């Protein structure tokens, strides 16, 4: 994907009306310090278009990035470590659920998991939740550069077993530092989720 133009077109909070887009949407979910903004910046080939915060849980909205007027990258609120009230967490959950239930253009959901650790209870819950909403999440194993090469396969196996992945689920190791995995993600999006005329 050659990135020609990007526009943060819509930002939806808890009380917002979700947009009725006409282009395919690709959503990204993950806990609040898993590197979601870094991944989206890497995909957009920008250093800091999506805000990266040192404070976990800063993404409290659903952000729709229009890419080349061809598709949307959709950044969902992070979960897990945010120091927010239970009421806010419930509201974010309802916001995500509303989006998963009502978007007519959502083609795929990527779930980001930190490759270094066993999936958390929140990770497992989100994975099952996405499945229950009728989507087959693609797993992006982030922070790949934090591991030695010899450790990677062991940790991917740990991730697969920890999430109890459905057989055949794609797992893409990714590093925001080296950009490994970026091209694989775009190739998957272009060949499987964009309109037929976008296929390679």
N, C-alpha and C. Protein backbone atom coordinates (compact mmCIF):
# COMPACT_ATOMS: atom_id res chain seq x y z
N UNK A 1 0.85 -1.19 0.00
CA UNK A 1 0.00 0.00 0.00
C UNK A 1 0.88 1.24 0.00
N UNK A 2 0.75 2.05 -1.03
CA UNK A 2 1.45 3.34 -1.08
C UNK A 2 0.54 4.38 -0.42
N UNK A 3 1.02 4.98 0.66
CA UNK A 3 0.20 5.95 1.40
C UNK A 3 0.34 7.32 0.76
N UNK A 4 -0.75 7.77 0.17
CA UNK A 4 -0.74 9.08 -0.49
C UNK A 4 -1.32 10.17 0.40
N UNK A 5 -2.41 9.84 1.07
CA UNK A 5 -2.97 10.83 1.99
C UNK A 5 -3.69 10.15 3.14
N UNK A 6 -3.67 10.82 4.29
CA UNK A 6 -4.28 10.33 5.52
C UNK A 6 -5.12 11.45 6.11
N UNK A 7 -6.27 11.07 6.64
CA UNK A 7 -7.11 12.07 7.30
C UNK A 7 -7.79 11.43 8.50
N UNK A 8 -7.52 11.98 9.71
CA UNK A 8 -8.27 11.54 10.88
C UNK A 8 -9.66 12.14 10.72
N UNK A 9 -10.54 11.34 10.16
CA UNK A 9 -11.82 11.87 9.66
C UNK A 9 -12.88 11.96 10.75
N UNK A 10 -12.92 10.96 11.64
CA UNK A 10 -13.97 10.92 12.65
C UNK A 10 -13.40 10.46 13.98
N UNK A 11 -13.79 11.12 15.05
CA UNK A 11 -13.43 10.71 16.41
C UNK A 11 -14.73 10.54 17.18
N UNK A 12 -14.98 9.31 17.65
CA UNK A 12 -16.25 9.01 18.31
C UNK A 12 -16.03 8.71 19.79
N UNK A 13 -16.69 9.50 20.63
CA UNK A 13 -16.68 9.24 22.06
C UNK A 13 -17.91 8.43 22.46
N UNK A 14 -18.09 8.32 23.76
CA UNK A 14 -19.15 7.47 24.30
C UNK A 14 -20.53 7.90 23.82
N UNK A 15 -20.75 9.21 23.69
CA UNK A 15 -22.08 9.70 23.30
C UNK A 15 -22.19 9.99 21.80
N UNK A 16 -21.14 9.73 21.04
CA UNK A 16 -21.14 10.07 19.61
C UNK A 16 -21.98 9.09 18.79
N UNK A 17 -22.43 9.58 17.65
CA UNK A 17 -23.09 8.73 16.66
C UNK A 17 -22.00 8.18 15.75
N UNK A 18 -21.96 6.87 15.60
CA UNK A 18 -20.93 6.26 14.75
C UNK A 18 -21.19 6.61 13.29
N UNK A 19 -20.12 6.83 12.51
CA UNK A 19 -20.30 7.22 11.11
C UNK A 19 -20.82 6.07 10.25
N UNK A 20 -21.53 6.42 9.19
CA UNK A 20 -21.97 5.41 8.22
C UNK A 20 -21.04 5.51 7.01
N UNK A 21 -19.88 4.91 7.13
CA UNK A 21 -18.88 4.99 6.07
C UNK A 21 -19.25 4.11 4.90
N UNK A 22 -18.70 4.44 3.75
CA UNK A 22 -18.96 3.63 2.55
C UNK A 22 -17.71 2.88 2.09
N UNK A 23 -16.61 3.07 2.81
CA UNK A 23 -15.36 2.37 2.47
C UNK A 23 -15.09 1.29 3.52
N UNK A 24 -14.32 0.24 3.15
CA UNK A 24 -14.01 -0.83 4.11
C UNK A 24 -13.31 -0.29 5.35
N UNK A 25 -13.63 -0.91 6.49
CA UNK A 25 -13.02 -0.54 7.76
C UNK A 25 -12.21 -1.72 8.31
N UNK A 26 -11.01 -1.44 8.78
CA UNK A 26 -10.13 -2.43 9.40
C UNK A 26 -9.87 -1.95 10.82
N UNK A 27 -10.31 -2.71 11.82
CA UNK A 27 -10.23 -2.25 13.21
C UNK A 27 -9.06 -2.90 13.95
N UNK A 28 -8.55 -2.15 14.94
CA UNK A 28 -7.43 -2.61 15.76
C UNK A 28 -7.81 -2.51 17.23
N UNK A 29 -7.71 -3.65 17.93
CA UNK A 29 -8.02 -3.70 19.35
C UNK A 29 -6.79 -4.19 20.11
N UNK A 30 -6.71 -3.81 21.37
CA UNK A 30 -5.59 -4.27 22.18
C UNK A 30 -5.55 -3.54 23.50
N UNK A 31 -4.83 -4.11 24.46
CA UNK A 31 -4.77 -3.44 25.76
C UNK A 31 -3.99 -2.13 25.62
N UNK A 32 -4.09 -1.32 26.64
CA UNK A 32 -3.73 0.08 26.49
C UNK A 32 -2.24 0.36 26.36
N UNK A 33 -1.36 -0.60 26.60
CA UNK A 33 0.07 -0.33 26.41
C UNK A 33 0.72 -1.33 25.46
N UNK A 34 -0.07 -1.88 24.55
CA UNK A 34 0.42 -2.95 23.69
C UNK A 34 1.11 -2.43 22.42
N UNK A 35 1.01 -1.12 22.16
CA UNK A 35 1.67 -0.56 20.99
C UNK A 35 0.75 -0.33 19.81
N UNK A 36 -0.52 -0.08 20.10
CA UNK A 36 -1.51 0.10 19.02
C UNK A 36 -1.24 1.34 18.20
N UNK A 37 -0.99 2.47 18.88
CA UNK A 37 -0.70 3.71 18.14
C UNK A 37 0.57 3.57 17.32
N UNK A 38 1.58 2.89 17.86
CA UNK A 38 2.83 2.68 17.13
C UNK A 38 2.59 1.85 15.87
N UNK A 39 1.76 0.83 15.99
CA UNK A 39 1.43 0.00 14.83
C UNK A 39 0.71 0.82 13.77
N UNK A 40 -0.29 1.58 14.18
CA UNK A 40 -1.07 2.37 13.21
C UNK A 40 -0.18 3.42 12.54
N UNK A 41 0.69 4.03 13.31
CA UNK A 41 1.65 4.97 12.70
C UNK A 41 2.54 4.27 11.68
N UNK A 42 2.99 3.07 12.00
CA UNK A 42 3.84 2.32 11.08
C UNK A 42 3.08 1.98 9.80
N UNK A 43 1.83 1.58 9.94
CA UNK A 43 1.03 1.25 8.77
C UNK A 43 0.78 2.48 7.90
N UNK A 44 0.63 3.63 8.54
CA UNK A 44 0.38 4.87 7.80
C UNK A 44 1.68 5.52 7.33
N UNK A 45 2.81 4.91 7.72
CA UNK A 45 4.12 5.44 7.35
C UNK A 45 4.32 6.86 7.90
N UNK A 46 3.84 7.06 9.11
CA UNK A 46 4.00 8.33 9.79
C UNK A 46 4.61 8.09 11.17
N UNK A 47 5.36 9.04 11.69
CA UNK A 47 6.00 8.84 12.98
C UNK A 47 5.06 9.08 14.15
N UNK A 48 4.18 10.04 14.02
CA UNK A 48 3.37 10.38 15.20
C UNK A 48 1.98 10.91 14.85
N UNK A 49 1.40 10.36 13.79
CA UNK A 49 0.06 10.82 13.42
C UNK A 49 -0.96 10.33 14.45
N UNK A 50 -0.89 9.04 14.77
CA UNK A 50 -1.70 8.52 15.87
C UNK A 50 -0.94 8.83 17.16
N UNK A 51 -1.62 9.43 18.11
CA UNK A 51 -0.94 9.89 19.33
C UNK A 51 -0.47 8.73 20.19
N UNK A 52 0.81 8.78 20.53
CA UNK A 52 1.39 7.77 21.42
C UNK A 52 1.54 8.43 22.78
N UNK A 53 0.99 7.81 23.79
CA UNK A 53 1.03 8.41 25.11
C UNK A 53 1.79 7.53 26.09
N UNK A 54 2.47 8.17 27.02
CA UNK A 54 3.15 7.43 28.08
C UNK A 54 2.14 6.99 29.14
N UNK A 55 0.93 7.53 29.05
CA UNK A 55 -0.11 7.17 30.01
C UNK A 55 -1.03 6.13 29.40
N UNK A 56 -1.01 4.88 29.89
CA UNK A 56 -1.89 3.85 29.34
C UNK A 56 -3.34 4.27 29.42
N UNK A 57 -4.12 3.85 28.41
CA UNK A 57 -5.55 4.15 28.42
C UNK A 57 -5.92 5.51 27.89
N UNK A 58 -4.98 6.15 27.18
CA UNK A 58 -5.24 7.51 26.70
C UNK A 58 -6.25 7.52 25.55
N UNK A 59 -6.27 6.44 24.75
CA UNK A 59 -7.23 6.38 23.65
C UNK A 59 -8.60 6.04 24.23
N UNK A 60 -9.45 7.04 24.35
CA UNK A 60 -10.77 6.85 24.94
C UNK A 60 -11.87 7.01 23.90
N UNK A 61 -11.47 7.06 22.65
CA UNK A 61 -12.41 7.25 21.55
C UNK A 61 -12.14 6.23 20.47
N UNK A 62 -13.07 6.10 19.55
CA UNK A 62 -12.83 5.31 18.33
C UNK A 62 -12.40 6.30 17.26
N UNK A 63 -11.21 6.11 16.73
CA UNK A 63 -10.64 7.03 15.74
C UNK A 63 -10.64 6.39 14.36
N UNK A 64 -11.20 7.10 13.40
CA UNK A 64 -11.30 6.59 12.03
C UNK A 64 -10.30 7.34 11.14
N UNK A 65 -9.28 6.63 10.67
CA UNK A 65 -8.26 7.22 9.79
C UNK A 65 -8.59 6.84 8.35
N UNK A 66 -8.88 7.85 7.53
CA UNK A 66 -9.15 7.62 6.11
C UNK A 66 -7.81 7.52 5.37
N UNK A 67 -7.58 6.39 4.74
CA UNK A 67 -6.33 6.14 4.02
C UNK A 67 -6.59 6.17 2.52
N UNK A 68 -6.01 7.15 1.84
CA UNK A 68 -6.10 7.25 0.37
C UNK A 68 -7.54 7.30 -0.14
N UNK A 69 -8.49 7.60 0.75
CA UNK A 69 -9.91 7.55 0.38
C UNK A 69 -10.31 6.17 -0.15
N UNK A 70 -9.59 5.14 0.35
CA UNK A 70 -9.86 3.75 -0.07
C UNK A 70 -10.40 2.90 1.08
N UNK A 71 -9.92 3.20 2.29
CA UNK A 71 -10.33 2.41 3.44
C UNK A 71 -10.10 3.20 4.71
N UNK A 72 -10.60 2.67 5.82
CA UNK A 72 -10.39 3.28 7.14
C UNK A 72 -9.62 2.32 8.03
N UNK A 73 -8.60 2.84 8.71
CA UNK A 73 -8.00 2.14 9.84
C UNK A 73 -8.71 2.67 11.08
N UNK A 74 -9.26 1.77 11.87
CA UNK A 74 -10.10 2.16 13.00
C UNK A 74 -9.40 1.77 14.30
N UNK A 75 -9.06 2.77 15.09
CA UNK A 75 -8.35 2.58 16.36
C UNK A 75 -9.38 2.52 17.49
N UNK A 76 -9.52 1.33 18.09
CA UNK A 76 -10.49 1.16 19.17
C UNK A 76 -9.86 1.50 20.53
N UNK A 77 -10.66 1.91 21.51
CA UNK A 77 -10.10 2.24 22.83
C UNK A 77 -9.33 1.07 23.43
N UNK A 78 -8.19 1.39 24.05
CA UNK A 78 -7.41 0.36 24.71
C UNK A 78 -8.10 -0.13 25.97
N UNK A 79 -7.77 -1.35 26.37
CA UNK A 79 -8.38 -1.90 27.59
C UNK A 79 -7.28 -2.37 28.54
N UNK A 80 -7.64 -2.61 29.77
CA UNK A 80 -6.71 -3.27 30.68
C UNK A 80 -6.10 -2.42 31.76
N UNK A 81 -5.08 -1.63 31.41
CA UNK A 81 -4.28 -0.99 32.45
C UNK A 81 -4.70 0.44 32.78
N UNK A 82 -5.68 0.93 32.08
CA UNK A 82 -6.06 2.33 32.28
C UNK A 82 -6.56 2.58 33.71
N UNK A 83 -6.05 3.66 34.30
CA UNK A 83 -6.50 4.02 35.66
C UNK A 83 -7.77 4.85 35.56
N UNK A 84 -8.83 4.15 35.22
CA UNK A 84 -10.13 4.83 35.08
C UNK A 84 -11.15 4.07 35.93
N UNK A 85 -12.28 4.69 36.13
CA UNK A 85 -13.32 4.08 36.94
C UNK A 85 -13.95 2.90 36.20
N UNK A 86 -14.56 2.01 36.98
CA UNK A 86 -15.26 0.87 36.37
C UNK A 86 -16.38 1.36 35.45
N UNK A 87 -17.00 2.47 35.84
CA UNK A 87 -18.08 3.02 35.01
C UNK A 87 -17.56 3.39 33.63
N UNK A 88 -16.38 4.03 33.59
CA UNK A 88 -15.79 4.41 32.30
C UNK A 88 -15.43 3.17 31.48
N UNK A 89 -14.87 2.16 32.16
CA UNK A 89 -14.51 0.93 31.44
C UNK A 89 -15.74 0.28 30.82
N UNK A 90 -16.83 0.27 31.57
CA UNK A 90 -18.08 -0.29 31.05
C UNK A 90 -18.56 0.51 29.84
N UNK A 91 -18.44 1.84 29.93
CA UNK A 91 -18.87 2.70 28.81
C UNK A 91 -18.03 2.45 27.57
N UNK A 92 -16.69 2.30 27.76
CA UNK A 92 -15.83 2.00 26.62
C UNK A 92 -16.21 0.67 25.99
N UNK A 93 -16.49 -0.31 26.87
CA UNK A 93 -16.89 -1.62 26.38
C UNK A 93 -18.15 -1.55 25.54
N UNK A 94 -19.10 -0.74 26.01
CA UNK A 94 -20.35 -0.58 25.26
C UNK A 94 -20.10 0.12 23.93
N UNK A 95 -19.16 1.08 23.94
CA UNK A 95 -18.82 1.79 22.70
C UNK A 95 -18.23 0.83 21.67
N UNK A 96 -17.30 -0.03 22.11
CA UNK A 96 -16.70 -1.01 21.20
C UNK A 96 -17.76 -2.00 20.71
N UNK A 97 -18.60 -2.47 21.63
CA UNK A 97 -19.63 -3.44 21.26
C UNK A 97 -20.61 -2.83 20.25
N UNK A 98 -20.98 -1.59 20.49
CA UNK A 98 -21.87 -0.88 19.56
C UNK A 98 -21.25 -0.83 18.17
N UNK A 99 -19.95 -0.54 18.12
CA UNK A 99 -19.28 -0.47 16.83
C UNK A 99 -19.26 -1.84 16.14
N UNK A 100 -18.87 -2.89 16.89
CA UNK A 100 -18.81 -4.23 16.31
C UNK A 100 -20.18 -4.70 15.81
N UNK A 101 -21.22 -4.28 16.52
CA UNK A 101 -22.57 -4.72 16.18
C UNK A 101 -23.19 -3.95 15.02
N UNK A 102 -22.77 -2.68 14.85
CA UNK A 102 -23.51 -1.83 13.91
C UNK A 102 -22.76 -1.44 12.64
N UNK A 103 -21.43 -1.58 12.62
CA UNK A 103 -20.70 -1.16 11.43
C UNK A 103 -21.02 -2.08 10.25
N UNK A 104 -21.45 -1.48 9.16
CA UNK A 104 -21.74 -2.28 7.96
C UNK A 104 -20.51 -2.47 7.09
N UNK A 105 -19.43 -1.73 7.40
CA UNK A 105 -18.23 -1.78 6.56
C UNK A 105 -17.04 -2.46 7.25
N UNK A 106 -17.21 -2.94 8.47
CA UNK A 106 -16.09 -3.57 9.18
C UNK A 106 -15.75 -4.91 8.53
N UNK A 107 -14.54 -5.00 7.99
CA UNK A 107 -14.11 -6.20 7.26
C UNK A 107 -13.23 -7.12 8.09
N UNK A 108 -12.47 -6.56 9.03
CA UNK A 108 -11.54 -7.39 9.81
C UNK A 108 -11.21 -6.69 11.12
N UNK A 109 -10.93 -7.52 12.13
CA UNK A 109 -10.47 -7.00 13.41
C UNK A 109 -9.11 -7.62 13.72
N UNK A 110 -8.12 -6.75 13.92
CA UNK A 110 -6.80 -7.19 14.34
C UNK A 110 -6.70 -7.02 15.85
N UNK A 111 -6.29 -8.07 16.55
CA UNK A 111 -6.13 -8.01 18.00
C UNK A 111 -4.64 -8.04 18.33
N UNK A 112 -4.17 -7.00 19.00
CA UNK A 112 -2.74 -6.89 19.33
C UNK A 112 -2.48 -7.51 20.70
N UNK A 113 -1.46 -8.37 20.73
CA UNK A 113 -1.06 -9.04 21.97
C UNK A 113 0.45 -8.87 22.11
N UNK A 114 0.91 -8.55 23.31
CA UNK A 114 2.34 -8.42 23.59
C UNK A 114 2.98 -9.81 23.54
N UNK A 115 3.89 -10.01 22.58
CA UNK A 115 4.49 -11.33 22.36
C UNK A 115 5.32 -11.81 23.55
N UNK A 116 5.72 -10.90 24.43
CA UNK A 116 6.63 -11.28 25.51
C UNK A 116 5.95 -12.01 26.65
N UNK A 117 4.63 -11.84 26.77
CA UNK A 117 3.95 -12.35 27.96
C UNK A 117 2.78 -13.26 27.60
N UNK A 118 2.39 -14.09 28.56
CA UNK A 118 1.16 -14.85 28.40
C UNK A 118 0.00 -13.87 28.22
N UNK A 119 -0.97 -14.20 27.35
CA UNK A 119 -2.14 -13.33 27.20
C UNK A 119 -2.83 -13.13 28.55
N UNK A 120 -3.24 -11.89 28.81
CA UNK A 120 -3.92 -11.57 30.07
C UNK A 120 -5.38 -12.03 30.00
N UNK A 121 -6.03 -11.98 31.16
CA UNK A 121 -7.47 -12.31 31.21
C UNK A 121 -8.25 -11.38 30.28
N UNK A 122 -7.86 -10.10 30.24
CA UNK A 122 -8.53 -9.14 29.35
C UNK A 122 -8.31 -9.49 27.89
N UNK A 123 -7.09 -9.94 27.55
CA UNK A 123 -6.80 -10.35 26.18
C UNK A 123 -7.70 -11.53 25.77
N UNK A 124 -7.80 -12.50 26.66
CA UNK A 124 -8.62 -13.69 26.37
C UNK A 124 -10.08 -13.30 26.21
N UNK A 125 -10.54 -12.41 27.08
CA UNK A 125 -11.94 -11.97 27.02
C UNK A 125 -12.21 -11.23 25.72
N UNK A 126 -11.29 -10.35 25.31
CA UNK A 126 -11.48 -9.60 24.07
C UNK A 126 -11.47 -10.53 22.86
N UNK A 127 -10.58 -11.52 22.87
CA UNK A 127 -10.53 -12.48 21.76
C UNK A 127 -11.87 -13.20 21.62
N UNK A 128 -12.41 -13.70 22.74
CA UNK A 128 -13.69 -14.42 22.68
C UNK A 128 -14.82 -13.47 22.27
N UNK A 129 -14.73 -12.25 22.74
CA UNK A 129 -15.75 -11.25 22.45
C UNK A 129 -15.82 -10.97 20.95
N UNK A 130 -14.65 -10.80 20.33
CA UNK A 130 -14.59 -10.54 18.88
C UNK A 130 -15.16 -11.74 18.12
N UNK A 131 -14.78 -12.95 18.56
CA UNK A 131 -15.32 -14.16 17.93
C UNK A 131 -16.84 -14.20 18.05
N UNK A 132 -17.33 -13.88 19.25
CA UNK A 132 -18.77 -13.94 19.50
C UNK A 132 -19.55 -12.94 18.67
N UNK A 133 -18.86 -11.88 18.20
CA UNK A 133 -19.52 -10.88 17.35
C UNK A 133 -19.41 -11.22 15.86
N UNK A 134 -18.92 -12.43 15.59
CA UNK A 134 -18.93 -12.91 14.22
C UNK A 134 -17.68 -12.65 13.40
N UNK A 135 -16.61 -12.17 14.06
CA UNK A 135 -15.36 -11.88 13.34
C UNK A 135 -14.29 -12.90 13.72
N UNK A 136 -13.38 -13.17 12.79
CA UNK A 136 -12.24 -14.05 13.05
C UNK A 136 -11.02 -13.16 13.22
N UNK A 137 -10.67 -12.81 14.46
CA UNK A 137 -9.58 -11.84 14.65
C UNK A 137 -8.25 -12.35 14.13
N UNK A 138 -7.47 -11.44 13.56
CA UNK A 138 -6.09 -11.72 13.18
C UNK A 138 -5.23 -11.22 14.34
N UNK A 139 -4.31 -12.03 14.81
CA UNK A 139 -3.50 -11.67 15.96
C UNK A 139 -2.20 -11.00 15.49
N UNK A 140 -1.92 -9.83 16.05
CA UNK A 140 -0.63 -9.18 15.81
C UNK A 140 0.17 -9.27 17.11
N UNK A 141 1.27 -9.98 17.05
CA UNK A 141 2.13 -10.18 18.22
C UNK A 141 3.15 -9.04 18.26
N UNK A 142 2.91 -8.04 19.10
CA UNK A 142 3.72 -6.82 19.11
C UNK A 142 4.97 -6.96 19.96
N UNK A 143 5.82 -5.94 19.83
CA UNK A 143 7.08 -5.84 20.60
C UNK A 143 8.05 -6.98 20.27
N UNK A 144 8.03 -7.39 19.01
CA UNK A 144 8.89 -8.49 18.54
C UNK A 144 10.36 -8.22 18.79
N UNK A 145 10.77 -6.94 18.67
CA UNK A 145 12.19 -6.61 18.82
C UNK A 145 12.69 -6.78 20.25
N UNK A 146 11.78 -7.00 21.20
CA UNK A 146 12.19 -7.20 22.59
C UNK A 146 12.64 -8.64 22.86
N UNK A 147 12.42 -9.52 21.88
CA UNK A 147 12.81 -10.92 22.04
C UNK A 147 14.04 -11.25 21.20
N UNK A 148 14.79 -12.25 21.65
CA UNK A 148 15.83 -12.82 20.80
C UNK A 148 15.15 -13.65 19.72
N UNK A 149 15.80 -13.74 18.58
CA UNK A 149 15.20 -14.48 17.47
C UNK A 149 14.89 -15.93 17.87
N UNK A 150 15.74 -16.51 18.68
CA UNK A 150 15.56 -17.91 19.09
C UNK A 150 14.34 -18.11 19.99
N UNK A 151 13.82 -17.01 20.56
CA UNK A 151 12.68 -17.11 21.48
C UNK A 151 11.33 -16.96 20.78
N UNK A 152 11.35 -16.50 19.54
CA UNK A 152 10.10 -16.07 18.89
C UNK A 152 9.08 -17.20 18.77
N UNK A 153 9.49 -18.34 18.23
CA UNK A 153 8.54 -19.43 18.01
C UNK A 153 7.94 -19.95 19.32
N UNK A 154 8.76 -20.00 20.34
CA UNK A 154 8.29 -20.43 21.66
C UNK A 154 7.20 -19.48 22.17
N UNK A 155 7.41 -18.18 21.98
CA UNK A 155 6.43 -17.21 22.47
C UNK A 155 5.17 -17.17 21.62
N UNK A 156 5.31 -17.43 20.32
CA UNK A 156 4.11 -17.52 19.46
C UNK A 156 3.27 -18.71 19.89
N UNK A 157 3.93 -19.83 20.20
CA UNK A 157 3.21 -21.01 20.68
C UNK A 157 2.50 -20.69 22.00
N UNK A 158 3.18 -19.97 22.89
CA UNK A 158 2.61 -19.57 24.17
C UNK A 158 1.36 -18.71 23.96
N UNK A 159 1.46 -17.81 23.00
CA UNK A 159 0.34 -16.92 22.69
C UNK A 159 -0.85 -17.72 22.13
N UNK A 160 -0.58 -18.63 21.20
CA UNK A 160 -1.64 -19.43 20.60
C UNK A 160 -2.36 -20.28 21.65
N UNK A 161 -1.56 -20.89 22.52
CA UNK A 161 -2.15 -21.75 23.55
C UNK A 161 -2.88 -20.92 24.60
N UNK A 162 -2.31 -19.76 24.95
CA UNK A 162 -2.93 -18.90 25.96
C UNK A 162 -4.28 -18.37 25.54
N UNK A 163 -4.42 -18.05 24.25
CA UNK A 163 -5.69 -17.54 23.74
C UNK A 163 -6.63 -18.66 23.30
N UNK A 164 -6.06 -19.88 23.22
CA UNK A 164 -6.83 -21.02 22.69
C UNK A 164 -7.39 -20.66 21.31
N UNK A 165 -6.45 -20.28 20.43
CA UNK A 165 -6.84 -19.77 19.11
C UNK A 165 -7.57 -20.82 18.29
N UNK A 166 -8.55 -20.35 17.54
CA UNK A 166 -9.22 -21.20 16.56
C UNK A 166 -8.17 -21.65 15.54
N UNK A 167 -8.14 -22.95 15.20
CA UNK A 167 -7.16 -23.43 14.21
C UNK A 167 -7.22 -22.62 12.92
N UNK A 168 -6.05 -22.29 12.40
CA UNK A 168 -5.97 -21.52 11.16
C UNK A 168 -5.92 -20.02 11.37
N UNK A 169 -6.03 -19.56 12.63
CA UNK A 169 -5.95 -18.12 12.92
C UNK A 169 -4.57 -17.59 12.55
N UNK A 170 -4.55 -16.47 11.84
CA UNK A 170 -3.27 -15.87 11.45
C UNK A 170 -2.65 -15.16 12.64
N UNK A 171 -1.34 -15.35 12.82
CA UNK A 171 -0.57 -14.64 13.83
C UNK A 171 0.60 -13.95 13.13
N UNK A 172 0.65 -12.62 13.23
CA UNK A 172 1.70 -11.86 12.54
C UNK A 172 2.59 -11.18 13.58
N UNK A 173 3.85 -11.62 13.71
CA UNK A 173 4.76 -10.92 14.62
C UNK A 173 5.08 -9.54 14.06
N UNK A 174 5.14 -8.54 14.96
CA UNK A 174 5.34 -7.16 14.51
C UNK A 174 6.27 -6.41 15.44
N UNK A 175 7.12 -5.57 14.83
CA UNK A 175 7.98 -4.66 15.59
C UNK A 175 7.81 -3.25 15.06
N UNK A 176 7.46 -2.32 15.95
CA UNK A 176 7.35 -0.92 15.52
C UNK A 176 8.73 -0.32 15.30
N UNK A 177 9.76 -0.96 15.87
CA UNK A 177 11.13 -0.47 15.73
C UNK A 177 11.69 -0.82 14.35
N UNK A 178 11.58 -2.08 13.96
CA UNK A 178 12.15 -2.53 12.69
C UNK A 178 11.12 -2.53 11.56
N UNK A 179 9.84 -2.37 11.91
CA UNK A 179 8.71 -2.42 10.96
C UNK A 179 8.48 -3.83 10.41
N UNK A 180 9.12 -4.84 10.99
CA UNK A 180 8.84 -6.22 10.56
C UNK A 180 7.37 -6.53 10.80
N UNK A 181 6.71 -7.10 9.81
CA UNK A 181 5.29 -7.42 9.89
C UNK A 181 4.41 -6.41 9.19
N UNK A 182 4.93 -5.19 8.99
CA UNK A 182 4.12 -4.13 8.37
C UNK A 182 3.63 -4.53 6.98
N UNK A 183 4.55 -4.97 6.13
CA UNK A 183 4.18 -5.32 4.76
C UNK A 183 3.21 -6.51 4.74
N UNK A 184 3.42 -7.45 5.65
CA UNK A 184 2.55 -8.63 5.71
C UNK A 184 1.11 -8.22 6.08
N UNK A 185 0.99 -7.27 7.00
CA UNK A 185 -0.34 -6.80 7.39
C UNK A 185 -1.02 -6.12 6.21
N UNK A 186 -0.29 -5.23 5.52
CA UNK A 186 -0.88 -4.53 4.38
C UNK A 186 -1.26 -5.51 3.27
N UNK A 187 -0.39 -6.49 3.02
CA UNK A 187 -0.69 -7.48 1.97
C UNK A 187 -1.98 -8.23 2.29
N UNK A 188 -2.13 -8.60 3.55
CA UNK A 188 -3.35 -9.29 3.98
C UNK A 188 -4.57 -8.40 3.78
N UNK A 189 -4.47 -7.15 4.20
CA UNK A 189 -5.59 -6.21 4.06
C UNK A 189 -5.96 -6.02 2.59
N UNK A 190 -4.95 -5.80 1.76
CA UNK A 190 -5.21 -5.51 0.34
C UNK A 190 -5.79 -6.70 -0.40
N UNK A 191 -5.29 -7.89 -0.11
CA UNK A 191 -5.72 -9.05 -0.88
C UNK A 191 -7.02 -9.67 -0.37
N UNK A 192 -7.31 -9.50 0.93
CA UNK A 192 -8.47 -10.19 1.48
C UNK A 192 -9.64 -9.28 1.86
N UNK A 193 -9.37 -8.01 2.12
CA UNK A 193 -10.44 -7.19 2.69
C UNK A 193 -10.82 -5.96 1.88
N UNK A 194 -10.02 -5.61 0.88
CA UNK A 194 -10.41 -4.51 0.01
C UNK A 194 -11.20 -5.05 -1.17
N UNK A 195 -11.83 -4.15 -1.91
CA UNK A 195 -12.63 -4.56 -3.06
C UNK A 195 -11.79 -5.31 -4.07
N UNK A 196 -12.45 -6.09 -4.90
CA UNK A 196 -11.75 -6.92 -5.87
C UNK A 196 -10.78 -6.17 -6.73
N UNK A 197 -11.08 -4.93 -7.09
CA UNK A 197 -10.19 -4.20 -7.97
C UNK A 197 -8.93 -3.73 -7.26
N UNK A 198 -8.89 -3.91 -5.91
CA UNK A 198 -7.69 -3.53 -5.19
C UNK A 198 -6.72 -4.71 -5.04
N UNK A 199 -7.19 -5.89 -5.40
CA UNK A 199 -6.35 -7.06 -5.18
C UNK A 199 -5.15 -7.05 -6.10
N UNK A 200 -4.07 -7.64 -5.57
CA UNK A 200 -2.83 -7.70 -6.36
C UNK A 200 -2.99 -8.73 -7.46
